[in-house]
Amino acid sequence: MKFTKTFALLLAAAMSVPGSAFAGDYDALYEGLQFEMPVVNRPSFPDRAVSLADFGAVADGITLNTKAFADAIESLSSQGGGTLNVPAGVWLTGPIVLKSNINLHLDGGALIVFAADESLYETAYVVYEGFQAWRTQSPISGYNLENVAITGDGIIDGNGGMWRPVKKDKMNGAEWKNLTAKGGVLQGNVWYPSQSYIDGEEICKGDGRARLTKEKAESIKRYLRPVMVQLVSCKNVLLEGVTFQNSPAWNVHPLMCENLIVDGVFIKNPDYAQNGDGLDVESCKNVIIYRSTLDVGDDAICLKSGKDEAGRKRGIPTENVIVRDCRVFHGHGGFVVGSEMSGGVSNVSVSDCQFLGTDTGLRFKSCRGRGGVVKNIFIDNINMLNVSGDAVTFDLYYFVKNAPKEIPPIDETTPQFRDIYIKDVTSFNSGKALKFNGIPEMPIENIQISNSVFTAREGGLLSESKGIKLNNVTVRPDEGPAMTVNNVSDATFTGCTFTSETPIVYTGTNKNIKDNK
């Protein structure tokens, strides 16, 4: 039987486009969920497909296909949407701007590479690291869309090496030699992709970024390196199967989106990638992150909600999030909340995940000035191996060098972490078992850990915390006390095994501590 080209495309589209037949795929994720959350279904798309090759695109890694992508998306959009099929091959392009009712589908063997020509990328006023400011246009972006997807078995490469600086101590000798041989500018132990990047650092010192004009931003595009995939205020979003790699800054950044599914993706950056976050979900609602793998240069799976006054003014929390069956290799944190959490984070379930060689495992971070409340976080069945730093950390002194001489009053700038439940964690060979580092005016409150085992070089630290409950927790450090308790109130350790010559050391002022008695 001979298939026509048109029929083959329609068949491929029918196989790849999520539809009503998949409704309920994620039902099992809701079983036993500790909070109410609407069912998130995969978006559906019209039964219409086009091939990128039909719009003059050439998969030779040389021809610039920016216009072909734009024309194909516009053609589909004008007909009500459908699937843009990207066949196998190397497709060089400038930025891709998505539209509603479009599924960008990459066949196996398809590789989209973003061109190393900064003139192709406009300067845009967008949100990054919690603030709105002038940045360089993202390689893939979408704004105020409904029903949008990036799916398939192909790879999207952000050509991040043209944008990022690299510190010498982040590379081995051979890597550093190869990098510096490619050009760029070397200053001390830092390699920069261009002089304009160095100029950008100088221009944006202090409050320089807040005073930046669009004209000046145009001259320092390398310094204002973009997020690779930024989807803003979109509804019904699916990212499935694709590899997202080598981003200029953060890799994938959904912002103020509703009904987001991230399923079976591989998010990858070099471990030396400066600001090379994996997945930053910011001020989003109803989110599923499932069966995905991350290996990145900064935080891996990270929940955010804006920074300081700007985040509080936006007032959009990240809420109703399920993270299930994910793996993280390199990364500053496996699962992370913060530090930009000024709009709050709540109703989060994280389960059945593995963190292998990350800097920290479960990481919660903030500082005075942020404000925001992080609460109702439920974590279970997490296995960690060779985490170099803290297996579990709550740090409210993130990036703070000097604490104030006097304890400030509680107000809207005071961050809160409370009502967090962690169980069935096994962490083997971490740097520190636990670190709870709260602030005196707002201690970390009601953190419960149960049925968990931590082997580490150092034991745990509980500081400026309240209502901590450890039940059937084993802490086995290589040296030092198993647990140091400092300025903690209303803590209970039940059925715990602290294996050390000095099981618990008390410092500061503690009250109402029940330790296995």
Protein backbone atom coordinates (compact mmCIF):
# COMPACT_ATOMS: atom_id res chain seq x y z
CA MET A 1 0.00 0.00 0.00
CA LYS A 2 1.44 3.39 -1.01
CA PHE A 3 0.91 6.38 1.29
CA THR A 4 0.73 9.87 -0.11
CA LYS A 5 2.81 12.58 1.54
CA THR A 6 -0.31 14.36 2.74
CA PHE A 7 -1.76 11.21 4.25
CA ALA A 8 1.52 10.42 6.00
CA LEU A 9 1.56 13.86 7.57
CA LEU A 10 -2.03 13.55 8.73
CA LEU A 11 -1.28 10.11 10.19
CA ALA A 12 1.75 11.45 12.03
CA ALA A 13 -0.29 14.35 13.35
CA ALA A 14 -3.06 12.04 14.53
CA MET A 15 -0.53 9.90 16.38
CA SER A 16 1.25 12.85 17.96
CA VAL A 17 -1.51 15.29 18.80
CA PRO A 18 -2.99 14.84 22.26
CA GLY A 19 -6.73 14.46 22.16
CA SER A 20 -9.70 13.39 24.19
CA ALA A 21 -8.55 9.76 24.04
CA PHE A 22 -5.78 10.71 26.47
CA ALA A 23 -8.10 12.38 28.98
CA GLY A 24 -7.51 10.77 32.35
CA ASP A 25 -3.87 9.83 31.58
CA TYR A 26 -2.88 11.49 34.83
CA ASP A 27 -5.74 10.26 37.02
CA ALA A 28 -3.42 8.09 39.12
CA LEU A 29 -1.45 11.17 40.18
CA TYR A 30 -4.48 12.45 42.06
CA GLU A 31 -4.94 9.33 44.20
CA GLY A 32 -4.33 10.23 47.84
CA LEU A 33 -3.47 13.83 47.00
CA GLN A 34 -3.41 15.86 50.21
CA PHE A 35 -5.10 18.94 48.76
CA GLU A 36 -7.83 19.73 46.28
CA MET A 37 -6.62 20.32 42.75
CA PRO A 38 -8.52 20.49 39.46
CA VAL A 39 -7.81 17.73 36.98
CA VAL A 40 -5.33 18.93 34.36
CA ASN A 41 -5.97 17.48 30.92
CA ARG A 42 -3.69 17.54 27.93
CA PRO A 43 -4.56 20.26 25.41
CA SER A 44 -6.13 19.14 22.15
CA PHE A 45 -5.42 20.52 18.69
CA PRO A 46 -7.24 20.57 15.38
CA ASP A 47 -6.64 17.54 13.16
CA ARG A 48 -4.43 19.53 10.82
CA ALA A 49 -0.69 19.19 10.21
CA VAL A 50 1.97 20.81 8.08
CA SER A 51 5.64 20.03 7.63
CA LEU A 52 8.29 22.68 8.18
CA ALA A 53 9.91 21.53 4.93
CA ASP A 54 6.84 22.66 2.99
CA PHE A 55 7.65 26.28 3.87
CA GLY A 56 11.08 26.34 2.30
CA ALA A 57 13.05 25.18 5.33
CA VAL A 58 16.30 23.30 4.73
CA ALA A 59 17.74 20.90 7.33
CA ASP A 60 21.42 21.39 6.58
CA GLY A 61 22.55 23.24 9.72
CA ILE A 62 23.55 26.18 7.51
CA THR A 63 20.37 27.64 6.07
CA LEU A 64 18.58 30.04 8.43
CA ASN A 65 14.99 28.88 8.81
CA THR A 66 13.51 31.69 10.94
CA LYS A 67 11.05 32.77 8.24
CA ALA A 68 9.98 29.19 7.54
CA PHE A 69 9.06 28.64 11.19
CA ALA A 70 7.16 31.94 11.32
CA ASP A 71 5.32 31.27 8.05
CA ALA A 72 4.35 27.73 9.08
CA ILE A 73 3.03 28.87 12.47
CA GLU A 74 1.12 31.74 10.86
CA SER A 75 -0.39 29.42 8.26
CA LEU A 76 -1.63 27.00 10.91
CA SER A 77 -2.85 29.81 13.15
CA SER A 78 -4.86 31.42 10.33
CA GLN A 79 -6.69 28.09 9.87
CA GLY A 80 -7.44 27.65 13.57
CA GLY A 81 -4.29 25.80 14.59
CA GLY A 82 -2.80 22.34 14.32
CA THR A 83 0.58 20.60 14.39
CA LEU A 84 3.80 21.93 12.93
CA ASN A 85 5.85 18.83 12.20
CA VAL A 86 9.65 19.22 12.28
CA PRO A 87 11.24 16.28 10.43
CA ALA A 88 14.63 14.73 11.15
CA GLY A 89 17.58 16.98 10.36
CA VAL A 90 19.43 19.99 11.73
CA TRP A 91 17.24 23.10 11.55
CA LEU A 92 19.15 26.34 12.18
CA THR A 93 16.89 29.23 13.14
CA GLY A 94 16.43 32.52 14.92
CA PRO A 95 13.71 32.98 17.55
CA ILE A 96 10.43 31.06 17.31
CA VAL A 97 7.26 32.78 18.54
CA LEU A 98 4.43 30.35 19.28
CA LYS A 99 0.71 31.02 18.87
CA SER A 100 -2.47 29.56 20.33
CA ASN A 101 -3.64 26.13 19.20
CA ILE A 102 -0.18 25.20 17.88
CA ASN A 103 1.69 21.98 18.66
CA LEU A 104 5.37 22.26 17.71
CA HIS A 105 6.21 18.58 17.18
CA LEU A 106 9.76 17.31 16.68
CA ASP A 107 10.21 13.94 15.00
CA GLY A 108 12.93 11.63 16.22
CA GLY A 109 16.21 12.88 14.76
CA ALA A 110 14.97 16.48 14.58
CA LEU A 111 17.39 19.02 16.03
CA ILE A 112 16.45 22.70 16.28
CA VAL A 113 19.55 24.85 16.85
CA PHE A 114 19.31 28.56 17.56
CA ALA A 115 21.73 30.69 15.57
CA ALA A 116 24.72 32.36 17.21
CA ASP A 117 23.81 35.78 15.84
CA GLU A 118 22.58 38.20 18.48
CA SER A 119 21.16 40.56 15.85
CA LEU A 120 18.37 38.01 15.24
CA TYR A 121 17.06 38.43 18.78
CA GLU A 122 15.14 41.56 19.70
CA THR A 123 15.29 43.33 23.06
CA ALA A 124 12.15 42.74 25.13
CA TYR A 125 10.79 43.93 28.47
CA VAL A 126 10.22 40.62 30.27
CA VAL A 127 10.39 38.96 33.70
CA TYR A 128 13.58 37.20 34.75
CA GLU A 129 14.77 36.36 38.27
CA GLY A 130 11.59 37.86 39.69
CA PHE A 131 11.85 41.31 38.13
CA GLN A 132 10.60 42.87 34.90
CA ALA A 133 13.47 44.36 32.96
CA TRP A 134 15.03 44.62 29.52
CA ARG A 135 16.29 41.23 28.32
CA THR A 136 17.20 39.65 25.05
CA GLN A 137 14.34 37.84 23.29
CA SER A 138 13.94 34.16 24.17
CA PRO A 139 14.70 31.62 21.45
CA ILE A 140 11.19 30.19 22.02
CA SER A 141 8.44 32.35 23.47
CA GLY A 142 4.68 32.60 23.75
CA TYR A 143 2.47 35.21 25.41
CA ASN A 144 -1.22 35.06 26.37
CA LEU A 145 -1.75 31.80 24.51
CA GLU A 146 -4.30 29.03 24.93
CA ASN A 147 -3.63 25.42 23.93
CA VAL A 148 0.07 25.29 23.07
CA ALA A 149 2.52 22.39 23.07
CA ILE A 150 6.08 21.37 22.29
CA THR A 151 6.16 17.59 21.83
CA GLY A 152 8.03 14.75 20.16
CA ASP A 153 11.36 12.96 20.34
CA GLY A 154 13.71 15.63 19.00
CA ILE A 155 16.13 18.08 20.57
CA ILE A 156 16.03 21.85 21.00
CA ASP A 157 19.45 23.45 21.52
CA GLY A 158 19.75 27.06 22.70
CA ASN A 159 23.40 27.49 21.66
CA GLY A 160 24.08 28.72 25.18
CA GLY A 161 27.84 28.85 24.75
CA MET A 162 27.53 32.07 22.74
CA TRP A 163 25.83 33.76 25.70
CA ARG A 164 27.24 32.46 28.98
CA PRO A 165 30.42 33.41 30.86
CA VAL A 166 32.38 30.50 32.33
CA LYS A 167 34.53 30.37 35.46
CA LYS A 168 37.79 28.48 35.09
CA ASP A 169 37.29 26.42 38.24
CA LYS A 170 34.05 25.03 36.78
CA MET A 171 35.92 23.18 33.99
CA ASN A 172 38.72 20.66 33.73
CA GLY A 173 41.94 21.63 31.95
CA ALA A 174 41.03 20.23 28.55
CA GLU A 175 37.59 21.87 28.59
CA TRP A 176 39.08 25.23 29.53
CA LYS A 177 41.72 25.00 26.79
CA ASN A 178 39.10 24.22 24.16
CA LEU A 179 36.83 27.03 25.34
CA THR A 180 39.47 29.76 25.37
CA ALA A 181 40.71 28.67 21.93
CA LYS A 182 37.32 29.67 20.47
CA GLY A 183 37.86 33.38 21.06
CA GLY A 184 35.93 35.52 23.48
CA VAL A 185 37.55 37.64 26.18
CA LEU A 186 39.53 36.30 29.14
CA GLN A 187 39.63 38.36 32.34
CA GLY A 188 41.41 36.66 35.21
CA ASN A 189 39.78 33.29 35.70
CA VAL A 190 36.56 34.11 33.85
CA TRP A 191 35.93 33.65 30.13
CA TYR A 192 33.39 36.00 28.54
CA PRO A 193 31.71 35.44 25.18
CA SER A 194 32.25 39.09 24.13
CA GLN A 195 33.39 42.50 25.29
CA SER A 196 29.75 43.62 25.22
CA TYR A 197 29.03 41.13 28.02
CA ILE A 198 31.72 42.76 30.17
CA ASP A 199 30.31 46.19 29.30
CA GLY A 200 26.88 44.96 30.39
CA GLU A 201 28.18 43.92 33.80
CA GLU A 202 29.57 47.40 34.32
CA ILE A 203 26.45 49.19 33.06
CA CYS A 204 24.11 47.12 35.25
CA LYS A 205 26.06 47.41 38.50
CA GLY A 206 24.06 48.50 41.52
CA ASP A 207 20.72 49.85 40.30
CA GLY A 208 21.99 50.19 36.75
CA ARG A 209 19.62 47.55 35.44
CA ALA A 210 16.60 49.46 36.76
CA ARG A 211 17.77 52.55 34.84
CA LEU A 212 18.56 50.63 31.66
CA THR A 213 17.01 51.99 28.47
CA LYS A 214 16.06 49.88 25.48
CA GLU A 215 18.73 51.60 23.39
CA LYS A 216 21.44 50.77 25.89
CA ALA A 217 20.09 47.23 26.27
CA GLU A 218 20.49 46.72 22.53
CA SER A 219 24.24 47.20 22.94
CA ILE A 220 24.63 44.54 25.64
CA LYS A 221 22.48 41.70 24.36
CA ARG A 222 25.02 39.06 25.34
CA TYR A 223 24.92 40.22 28.95
CA LEU A 224 21.10 40.25 28.94
CA ARG A 225 21.09 36.61 27.89
CA PRO A 226 17.64 35.11 27.65
CA VAL A 227 15.68 32.23 29.07
CA MET A 228 15.53 29.61 26.31
CA VAL A 229 11.80 28.80 26.53
CA GLN A 230 9.55 31.43 28.10
CA LEU A 231 5.78 30.99 28.12
CA VAL A 232 3.90 33.84 29.81
CA SER A 233 0.23 33.94 30.83
CA CYS A 234 -0.61 30.84 28.83
CA LYS A 235 -3.38 28.34 29.51
CA ASN A 236 -3.35 24.62 28.70
CA VAL A 237 0.35 24.01 28.03
CA LEU A 238 2.03 20.68 27.25
CA LEU A 239 5.77 20.00 27.08
CA GLU A 240 6.30 16.33 26.30
CA GLY A 241 9.13 14.04 25.23
CA VAL A 242 11.49 16.70 23.88
CA THR A 243 15.07 17.35 25.03
CA PHE A 244 15.68 21.00 25.93
CA GLN A 245 19.40 21.68 26.21
CA ASN A 246 22.17 24.25 26.29
CA SER A 247 20.15 27.33 27.26
CA PRO A 248 21.60 30.87 27.45
CA ALA A 249 20.24 31.37 31.00
CA TRP A 250 17.34 29.43 32.52
CA ASN A 251 16.18 26.59 30.34
CA VAL A 252 12.37 26.38 30.59
CA HIS A 253 10.40 29.16 32.32
CA PRO A 254 6.59 29.00 32.47
CA LEU A 255 5.37 32.26 34.04
CA MET A 256 1.83 32.93 35.22
CA CYS A 257 0.54 29.89 33.32
CA GLU A 258 -2.47 27.75 34.17
CA ASN A 259 -2.90 24.04 33.46
CA LEU A 260 0.69 23.09 32.67
CA ILE A 261 1.92 19.54 31.97
CA VAL A 262 5.63 18.70 31.71
CA ASP A 263 5.86 15.01 30.87
CA GLY A 264 8.82 12.89 29.88
CA VAL A 265 11.16 15.72 28.94
CA PHE A 266 14.94 15.80 29.32
CA ILE A 267 16.24 19.21 30.41
CA LYS A 268 20.00 19.45 30.10
CA ASN A 269 22.70 22.08 30.59
CA PRO A 270 26.44 21.78 31.22
CA ASP A 271 27.17 21.61 34.94
CA TYR A 272 29.27 24.78 34.55
CA ALA A 273 26.36 26.75 33.02
CA GLN A 274 26.01 30.04 34.90
CA ASN A 275 22.32 30.54 35.84
CA GLY A 276 21.65 27.30 33.99
CA ASP A 277 18.43 26.41 35.83
CA GLY A 278 16.38 23.55 34.46
CA LEU A 279 12.65 24.13 35.00
CA ASP A 280 11.53 27.33 36.76
CA VAL A 281 7.77 27.31 37.34
CA GLU A 282 6.81 30.82 38.45
CA SER A 283 3.39 32.00 39.62
CA CYS A 284 1.71 29.07 37.88
CA LYS A 285 -1.46 27.20 38.83
CA ASN A 286 -2.41 23.54 38.30
CA VAL A 287 0.88 21.97 37.27
CA ILE A 288 2.01 18.40 36.61
CA ILE A 289 5.74 17.62 36.32
CA TYR A 290 6.05 13.92 35.54
CA ARG A 291 8.54 11.29 34.37
CA SER A 292 11.18 13.89 33.52
CA THR A 293 14.96 13.98 33.83
CA LEU A 294 17.12 17.02 34.54
CA ASP A 295 20.90 17.46 34.46
CA VAL A 296 21.74 21.15 34.75
CA GLY A 297 24.08 23.87 36.01
CA ASP A 298 21.82 25.44 38.65
CA ASP A 299 18.52 24.62 40.37
CA ALA A 300 16.71 21.76 38.63
CA ILE A 301 12.96 21.64 39.44
CA CYS A 302 12.27 25.03 40.98
CA LEU A 303 9.07 26.76 42.11
CA LYS A 304 9.02 30.56 42.26
CA SER A 305 6.47 33.40 42.53
CA GLY A 306 8.26 36.72 42.06
CA LYS A 307 10.81 38.68 44.04
CA ASP A 308 10.41 41.22 46.83
CA GLU A 309 7.97 44.10 46.29
CA ALA A 310 7.44 43.26 42.61
CA GLY A 311 6.45 39.70 43.50
CA ARG A 312 4.17 40.78 46.34
CA LYS A 313 2.51 43.34 44.08
CA ARG A 314 1.93 40.70 41.40
CA GLY A 315 0.42 38.53 44.13
CA ILE A 316 0.18 35.34 42.08
CA PRO A 317 1.32 32.25 43.99
CA THR A 318 2.53 29.00 42.53
CA GLU A 319 -0.08 26.51 43.69
CA ASN A 320 -1.49 23.08 42.99
CA VAL A 321 1.64 21.31 41.79
CA ILE A 322 2.33 17.58 41.40
CA VAL A 323 5.93 16.43 40.87
CA ARG A 324 6.18 12.69 40.35
CA ASP A 325 8.77 10.18 39.16
CA CYS A 326 11.53 12.60 38.18
CA ARG A 327 15.31 12.22 38.22
CA VAL A 328 17.92 14.93 38.74
CA PHE A 329 21.65 14.55 38.21
CA HIS A 330 23.79 17.70 38.38
CA GLY A 331 22.04 20.74 39.82
CA HIS A 332 22.25 23.15 42.75
CA GLY A 333 19.06 21.57 44.06
CA GLY A 334 16.92 18.61 43.08
CA PHE A 335 13.60 20.10 44.14
CA VAL A 336 13.73 23.78 45.07
CA VAL A 337 11.40 26.48 46.36
CA GLY A 338 12.67 30.07 46.11
CA SER A 339 14.47 32.18 46.55
CA GLU A 340 12.00 34.30 44.57
CA MET A 341 8.83 33.26 46.44
CA SER A 342 7.29 36.61 47.36
CA GLY A 343 3.88 35.69 45.94
CA GLY A 344 3.76 32.45 47.93
CA VAL A 345 3.93 28.73 47.14
CA SER A 346 1.33 26.25 48.38
CA ASN A 347 -0.31 22.89 47.73
CA VAL A 348 2.63 20.95 46.35
CA SER A 349 3.16 17.18 46.19
CA VAL A 350 6.62 15.78 45.38
CA SER A 351 7.05 12.00 45.30
CA ASP A 352 8.97 9.07 43.81
CA CYS A 353 12.01 11.12 42.76
CA GLN A 354 15.76 10.50 42.74
CA PHE A 355 18.50 13.11 43.15
CA LEU A 356 21.93 11.80 42.13
CA GLY A 357 24.95 14.01 42.68
CA THR A 358 23.14 17.33 43.10
CA ASP A 359 24.60 20.09 45.30
CA THR A 360 21.56 19.92 47.59
CA GLY A 361 18.53 17.65 47.59
CA LEU A 362 15.36 19.31 48.90
CA ARG A 363 16.12 23.03 48.97
CA PHE A 364 13.96 25.83 50.42
CA LYS A 365 15.54 29.28 50.33
CA SER A 366 14.62 32.89 50.98
CA CYS A 367 15.68 35.93 52.98
CA ARG A 368 14.32 39.02 54.70
CA GLY A 369 12.74 41.39 52.23
CA ARG A 370 11.02 38.69 50.18
CA GLY A 371 7.81 38.23 52.11
CA GLY A 372 5.53 35.44 50.90
CA VAL A 373 4.33 32.23 52.53
CA VAL A 374 5.46 28.73 51.58
CA LYS A 375 3.11 26.12 53.02
CA ASN A 376 1.29 22.84 52.46
CA ILE A 377 4.21 21.02 50.85
CA PHE A 378 4.03 17.19 50.92
CA ILE A 379 7.15 15.21 50.02
CA ASP A 380 7.59 11.45 50.09
CA ASN A 381 9.63 8.59 48.69
CA ILE A 382 12.73 10.54 47.73
CA ASN A 383 16.05 8.74 47.25
CA MET A 384 19.31 10.69 47.14
CA LEU A 385 22.87 9.60 46.41
CA ASN A 386 26.09 11.60 46.78
CA VAL A 387 24.47 14.98 47.40
CA SER A 388 27.52 17.16 48.04
CA GLY A 389 25.79 19.62 50.38
CA ASP A 390 22.62 19.43 52.47
CA ALA A 391 20.17 16.62 51.86
CA VAL A 392 17.34 18.80 53.20
CA THR A 393 17.79 22.52 53.75
CA PHE A 394 15.67 25.48 54.81
CA ASP A 395 17.76 28.63 54.56
CA LEU A 396 16.29 32.05 55.25
CA TYR A 397 19.70 33.71 54.97
CA TYR A 398 20.10 33.03 51.26
CA PHE A 399 22.75 35.36 49.81
CA VAL A 400 22.87 37.32 53.09
CA LYS A 401 26.33 38.24 54.32
CA ASN A 402 25.54 40.29 57.43
CA ALA A 403 22.53 39.83 59.70
CA PRO A 404 21.02 43.03 61.15
CA LYS A 405 22.15 44.08 64.62
CA GLU A 406 18.53 44.22 65.79
CA ILE A 407 15.75 41.80 64.95
CA PRO A 408 13.37 43.59 62.58
CA PRO A 409 9.59 43.62 63.14
CA ILE A 410 7.34 41.22 61.28
CA ASP A 411 5.72 42.83 58.24
CA GLU A 412 4.87 42.05 54.61
CA THR A 413 8.59 41.62 53.83
CA THR A 414 9.00 38.73 56.29
CA PRO A 415 9.19 35.31 54.56
CA GLN A 416 7.44 32.28 56.06
CA PHE A 417 8.09 28.56 55.63
CA ARG A 418 5.61 26.34 57.46
CA ASP A 419 3.46 23.22 57.29
CA ILE A 420 5.85 21.03 55.30
CA TYR A 421 5.64 17.25 55.57
CA ILE A 422 8.48 14.98 54.49
CA LYS A 423 8.48 11.19 54.75
CA ASP A 424 10.23 8.09 53.41
CA VAL A 425 13.46 9.80 52.39
CA THR A 426 16.73 7.91 52.06
CA SER A 427 19.83 10.03 51.56
CA PHE A 428 23.18 8.25 51.25
CA ASN A 429 26.48 10.08 51.51
CA SER A 430 25.48 13.74 51.61
CA GLY A 431 27.53 16.62 53.00
CA LYS A 432 25.08 17.49 55.78
CA ALA A 433 21.97 15.58 56.75
CA LEU A 434 19.63 18.48 57.60
CA LYS A 435 19.91 22.26 57.87
CA PHE A 436 17.04 24.38 59.21
CA ASN A 437 18.29 27.96 59.33
CA GLY A 438 15.34 30.22 60.19
CA ILE A 439 15.13 33.83 61.32
CA PRO A 440 14.32 34.77 64.93
CA GLU A 441 11.23 36.87 64.17
CA MET A 442 9.70 34.15 61.97
CA PRO A 443 11.06 30.69 62.78
CA ILE A 444 10.61 27.85 60.33
CA GLU A 445 7.46 26.21 61.70
CA ASN A 446 5.76 22.83 61.67
CA ILE A 447 8.23 20.84 59.60
CA GLN A 448 7.63 17.10 60.02
CA ILE A 449 10.06 14.41 58.85
CA SER A 450 9.27 10.73 59.31
CA ASN A 451 10.55 7.28 58.35
CA SER A 452 13.76 8.63 56.85
CA VAL A 453 17.48 7.80 56.90
CA PHE A 454 20.35 10.23 56.38
CA THR A 455 24.01 9.20 56.20
CA ALA A 456 26.31 12.19 55.82
CA ARG A 457 29.68 13.70 56.62
CA GLU A 458 27.95 16.00 59.11
CA GLY A 459 24.75 15.63 61.10
CA GLY A 460 21.81 17.99 61.28
CA LEU A 461 21.34 21.59 62.40
CA LEU A 462 18.03 22.93 63.66
CA SER A 463 18.20 26.68 64.25
CA GLU A 464 15.50 29.30 64.78
CA SER A 465 12.75 26.72 64.29
CA LYS A 466 9.46 25.91 65.95
CA GLY A 467 7.20 22.87 66.07
CA ILE A 468 9.71 20.51 64.43
CA LYS A 469 8.76 16.84 64.56
CA LEU A 470 11.15 14.04 63.69
CA ASN A 471 9.59 10.59 63.84
CA ASN A 472 11.60 7.43 63.15
CA VAL A 473 14.47 9.39 61.63
CA THR A 474 18.02 8.04 61.52
CA VAL A 475 20.95 10.45 61.23
CA ARG A 476 24.39 8.84 60.90
CA PRO A 477 27.22 11.38 60.46
CA ASP A 478 30.85 10.49 59.80
CA GLU A 479 31.92 12.95 62.48
CA GLY A 480 30.57 15.44 64.99
CA PRO A 481 27.16 15.47 66.66
CA ALA A 482 24.22 13.86 64.93
CA MET A 483 22.03 16.88 65.69
CA THR A 484 22.71 20.44 66.84
CA VAL A 485 19.70 22.26 68.25
CA ASN A 486 19.90 26.06 68.51
CA ASN A 487 17.07 28.39 69.54
CA VAL A 488 14.35 25.84 68.87
CA SER A 489 10.99 25.53 70.60
CA ASP A 490 8.31 22.85 70.71
CA ALA A 491 10.34 20.13 68.98
CA THR A 492 9.71 16.41 69.28
CA PHE A 493 12.09 13.59 68.33
CA THR A 494 10.24 10.26 68.51
CA GLY A 495 11.80 6.90 67.75
CA CYS A 496 14.88 8.57 66.25
CA THR A 497 18.35 7.08 65.99
CA PHE A 498 21.16 9.61 66.17
CA THR A 499 24.28 7.53 65.65
CA SER A 500 27.22 9.47 67.03
CA GLU A 501 29.33 9.72 70.17
CA THR A 502 27.44 12.97 70.74
CA PRO A 503 23.85 12.39 69.60
CA ILE A 504 22.48 15.90 70.33
CA VAL A 505 24.15 19.19 71.18
CA TYR A 506 21.99 22.04 72.52
CA THR A 507 23.08 25.65 72.03
CA GLY A 508 21.33 28.97 72.44
CA THR A 509 17.93 29.04 74.11
CA ASN A 510 15.71 26.01 73.56
CA LYS A 511 12.41 25.15 75.19
CA ASN A 512 9.96 22.29 75.25
CA ILE A 513 12.20 19.79 73.44
CA LYS A 514 11.25 16.11 73.68
CA ASP A 515 14.08 13.90 72.48
CA ASN A 516 13.10 10.22 72.49
CA LYS A 517 12.11 10.31 76.15
